[in-house]
Protein backbone atom coordinates (compact mmCIF):
# COMPACT_ATOMS: atom_id res chain seq x y z
CA LYS A 1 18.33 -16.33 -1.89
CA THR A 2 15.16 -17.97 -0.55
CA ALA A 3 13.87 -21.52 -0.21
CA LEU A 4 11.77 -20.85 -3.33
CA GLY A 5 14.73 -19.63 -5.38
CA ASP A 6 16.69 -16.43 -5.97
CA MET A 7 14.86 -13.11 -5.76
CA ILE A 8 16.27 -10.55 -8.19
CA GLU A 9 15.36 -6.87 -8.30
CA ALA A 10 16.28 -4.73 -11.30
CA VAL A 11 18.03 -1.39 -10.78
CA PRO A 12 15.31 0.99 -9.54
CA LEU A 13 14.28 3.87 -11.81
CA ALA A 14 13.97 7.15 -9.91
CA TYR A 15 13.01 10.57 -11.24
CA GLN A 16 11.55 13.99 -10.46
CA MET A 17 9.33 16.14 -12.65
CA LYS A 18 10.92 19.47 -13.65
CA ASN A 19 9.15 21.82 -16.08
CA GLY A 20 6.96 18.95 -17.33
CA ALA A 21 9.87 16.57 -17.99
CA GLU A 22 11.23 13.58 -16.08
CA VAL A 23 14.69 14.26 -14.63
CA LYS A 24 16.47 11.02 -13.78
CA VAL A 25 17.85 10.63 -10.24
CA GLU A 26 20.57 8.09 -9.45
CA CYS A 27 19.15 5.35 -7.24
CA ARG A 28 20.33 1.99 -5.91
CA TYR A 29 19.36 -0.56 -3.27
CA GLU A 30 21.11 -0.79 0.07
CA LEU A 31 20.96 -3.77 2.42
CA LYS A 32 21.17 -3.01 6.16
CA GLY A 33 20.89 -6.26 8.10
CA SER A 34 17.70 -7.86 6.80
CA GLU A 35 16.12 -4.60 5.55
CA VAL A 36 16.39 -3.26 2.01
CA GLY A 37 16.26 0.47 1.37
CA PHE A 38 17.21 3.01 -1.28
CA ILE A 39 20.23 5.27 -1.67
CA VAL A 40 19.43 8.20 -3.95
CA GLY A 41 21.79 10.66 -5.59
CA ASP A 42 21.47 14.43 -5.93
CA HIS A 43 17.85 15.56 -6.14
CA ASP A 44 15.57 18.43 -5.20
CA PRO A 45 14.30 17.68 -1.65
CA THR A 46 11.33 20.04 -2.18
CA ALA A 47 9.99 18.09 -5.18
CA GLU A 48 8.34 14.68 -5.20
CA LEU A 49 10.79 11.81 -5.77
CA VAL A 50 9.30 8.90 -7.72
CA ILE A 51 10.87 5.45 -7.48
CA ASP A 52 9.16 3.22 -10.04
CA PRO A 53 8.43 -0.38 -9.15
CA THR A 54 8.68 -3.14 -11.74
CA LEU A 55 5.46 -4.91 -12.67
CA GLU A 56 6.12 -8.50 -11.56
CA PHE A 57 2.63 -9.97 -11.54
CA SER A 58 -0.53 -8.84 -13.30
CA THR A 59 -3.26 -11.03 -14.74
CA TYR A 60 -6.91 -11.31 -15.67
CA THR A 61 -8.92 -14.00 -13.88
CA GLY A 62 -10.15 -15.44 -17.17
CA SER A 63 -13.80 -15.35 -16.11
CA THR A 64 -16.29 -15.47 -18.99
CA THR A 65 -18.97 -13.94 -16.75
CA ASP A 66 -18.69 -10.68 -14.83
CA ASN A 67 -16.75 -10.71 -11.58
CA PHE A 68 -15.69 -7.89 -9.26
CA GLY A 69 -12.59 -8.04 -7.02
CA TYR A 70 -13.08 -7.22 -3.35
CA SER A 71 -9.99 -8.31 -1.44
CA ALA A 72 -6.57 -9.90 -1.81
CA THR A 73 -3.91 -11.16 0.56
CA ILE A 74 -0.45 -12.64 0.32
CA ALA A 75 1.04 -15.51 2.29
CA ASP A 76 4.56 -15.46 3.76
CA THR A 77 5.52 -17.87 0.97
CA GLY A 78 4.54 -15.34 -1.72
CA PHE A 79 1.29 -16.92 -2.95
CA LEU A 80 -1.43 -14.36 -3.67
CA SER A 81 -5.09 -15.11 -2.92
CA SER A 82 -7.97 -13.07 -4.29
CA GLY A 83 -11.60 -12.77 -3.28
CA SER A 84 -14.24 -11.61 -5.73
CA ARG A 85 -17.89 -12.05 -6.50
CA ALA A 86 -18.88 -14.00 -9.58
CA PHE A 87 -22.06 -13.39 -11.55
CA GLY A 88 -22.15 -16.81 -13.20
CA GLN A 89 -20.64 -20.21 -13.85
CA GLY A 90 -17.90 -18.73 -16.08
CA TYR A 91 -15.43 -18.05 -13.24
CA PRO A 92 -12.48 -20.46 -13.61
CA THR A 93 -12.35 -23.21 -10.97
CA THR A 94 -9.82 -25.99 -10.56
CA MET A 95 -10.14 -29.76 -10.28
CA GLY A 96 -10.68 -30.80 -6.68
CA ALA A 97 -11.91 -27.35 -5.66
CA TYR A 98 -14.32 -27.04 -2.72
CA ASP A 99 -17.20 -26.11 -5.08
CA VAL A 100 -17.00 -25.89 -8.87
CA THR A 101 -20.66 -24.94 -9.27
CA TRP A 102 -21.98 -21.37 -9.11
CA GLN A 103 -25.00 -21.41 -6.79
CA GLY A 104 -26.63 -18.22 -8.07
CA GLY A 105 -28.49 -15.65 -6.06
CA THR A 106 -31.30 -13.13 -6.18
CA GLY A 107 -29.38 -10.20 -7.66
CA ASN A 108 -30.53 -6.69 -8.41
CA PHE A 109 -30.85 -6.45 -12.20
CA THR A 110 -28.21 -9.21 -12.31
CA ALA A 111 -28.08 -12.99 -12.02
CA GLY A 112 -26.94 -12.93 -8.39
CA THR A 113 -23.50 -13.55 -6.94
CA ASP A 114 -21.31 -16.18 -5.30
CA ILE A 115 -17.95 -15.69 -3.63
CA ALA A 116 -15.07 -16.69 -5.92
CA LEU A 117 -11.72 -17.44 -4.27
CA THR A 118 -8.44 -18.06 -6.09
CA LYS A 119 -4.90 -18.85 -4.99
CA PHE A 120 -2.29 -17.95 -7.63
CA ASP A 121 1.27 -19.24 -7.86
CA THR A 122 4.05 -16.78 -6.98
CA THR A 123 4.48 -15.64 -10.60
CA GLY A 124 0.79 -15.25 -11.45
CA ALA A 125 1.17 -17.79 -14.27
CA SER A 126 -1.13 -20.49 -12.90
CA LEU A 127 -3.85 -21.24 -10.38
CA ILE A 128 -3.00 -23.33 -7.33
CA TRP A 129 -6.72 -23.65 -6.62
CA SER A 130 -9.88 -21.72 -7.45
CA THR A 131 -13.35 -22.26 -6.04
CA PHE A 132 -16.83 -20.90 -5.48
CA ILE A 133 -18.33 -20.69 -2.01
CA GLY A 134 -21.90 -19.59 -1.47
CA GLY A 135 -25.54 -20.53 -1.36
CA SER A 136 -28.75 -19.77 -3.19
CA GLY A 137 -28.75 -16.10 -2.13
CA ASP A 138 -26.20 -13.39 -2.90
CA ASP A 139 -22.77 -13.79 -1.27
CA LEU A 140 -19.86 -11.30 -1.10
CA PRO A 141 -16.31 -11.46 0.27
CA HIS A 142 -15.04 -8.40 2.12
CA SER A 143 -11.69 -9.30 3.64
CA LEU A 144 -9.08 -12.06 3.31
CA ILE A 145 -6.06 -13.06 5.38
CA VAL A 146 -3.75 -16.08 5.38
CA ASN A 147 -2.79 -17.58 8.74
CA ASP A 148 0.54 -19.16 9.74
CA ALA A 149 -0.71 -22.57 8.56
CA GLY A 150 -1.31 -21.20 5.05
CA GLU A 151 -5.10 -21.38 5.44
CA LEU A 152 -7.27 -18.68 3.85
CA ILE A 153 -9.67 -16.86 6.19
CA VAL A 154 -12.64 -15.17 4.48
CA LEU A 155 -14.89 -12.54 6.08
CA GLY A 156 -17.98 -11.82 4.03
CA THR A 157 -21.71 -11.23 3.78
CA THR A 158 -24.40 -13.68 2.77
CA GLY A 159 -28.09 -13.63 2.03
CA SER A 160 -28.10 -17.44 1.65
CA SER A 161 -30.03 -19.63 4.08
CA ASN A 162 -27.93 -22.54 2.79
CA PHE A 163 -24.45 -20.99 2.93
CA PRO A 164 -22.13 -23.92 3.76
CA THR A 165 -21.36 -24.27 7.47
CA THR A 166 -19.40 -26.96 9.27
CA THR A 167 -20.45 -29.49 11.90
CA ASN A 168 -20.55 -27.85 15.34
CA ALA A 169 -20.33 -24.35 13.81
CA PHE A 170 -20.98 -21.54 16.29
CA GLN A 171 -24.10 -20.62 14.25
CA SER A 172 -25.29 -23.02 11.57
CA VAL A 173 -28.70 -21.43 10.91
CA PHE A 174 -29.20 -18.28 8.81
CA VAL A 175 -31.47 -15.86 10.70
CA GLY A 176 -31.15 -12.95 8.25
CA GLY A 177 -32.83 -9.63 8.72
CA THR A 178 -34.88 -7.20 6.67
CA VAL A 179 -34.85 -6.85 2.90
CA PHE A 180 -31.73 -4.96 1.86
CA THR A 181 -30.57 -3.81 -1.59
CA PRO A 182 -27.21 -2.01 -1.57
CA GLN A 183 -27.10 0.60 -4.31
CA GLY A 184 -24.90 0.23 -7.36
CA ILE A 185 -23.43 -3.24 -6.81
CA GLY A 186 -26.08 -5.53 -8.32
CA THR A 187 -26.80 -7.36 -5.08
CA HIS A 188 -30.16 -7.97 -3.40
CA TYR A 189 -30.73 -9.56 -0.01
CA ALA A 190 -34.36 -10.66 -0.06
CA ASN A 191 -34.09 -12.19 3.42
CA GLY A 192 -31.57 -9.79 4.93
CA THR A 193 -27.89 -10.54 5.52
CA ASP A 194 -25.55 -12.27 7.87
CA MET A 195 -21.78 -12.11 8.26
CA ILE A 196 -19.84 -15.24 7.37
CA LEU A 197 -16.39 -16.35 8.47
CA SER A 198 -14.84 -19.29 6.62
CA ARG A 199 -11.44 -20.98 6.81
CA LEU A 200 -10.16 -22.92 3.80
CA SER A 201 -7.21 -25.29 3.88
């Protein structure tokens, strides 16, 4: 039992492959203190033992324009956040989001990219919030974490001279670098790149 409701796990399915066929192995959960483990029945210790998980959460983003996933993280409360790049306005945003407008970019045989960030509910059935963050150049997320306050921390790359920064930011001016076009990802940094670090409530 949790503050968010009961958590129920189905009986785990375990098996080993023998002569091209699945051979079922008895398997059950065991609780030792606050840790959950598995107790398995008779099996061949020299062969791989597979314990199948149950698919609890799987969804499309619903974007009508291309988007590529880069990172995801989960909060202690079970909410999943994803970071992707969006190639157009078609990425779903929510009312009250930080930025509901795709800012575009320079692209490399594409329309350019913005960072798209989404927080899903614990079942994957709805969006808690979903937003763009970026500037007029290409922007990519690389890593996400959630802190103890439930805030999303985003580490990424930008080629935007107008990427949003906050008052008294450590560095509020884009200084860029040399022209850079990573191969195979549809991104072009006409004015070089800079790392970004953003914290969203």
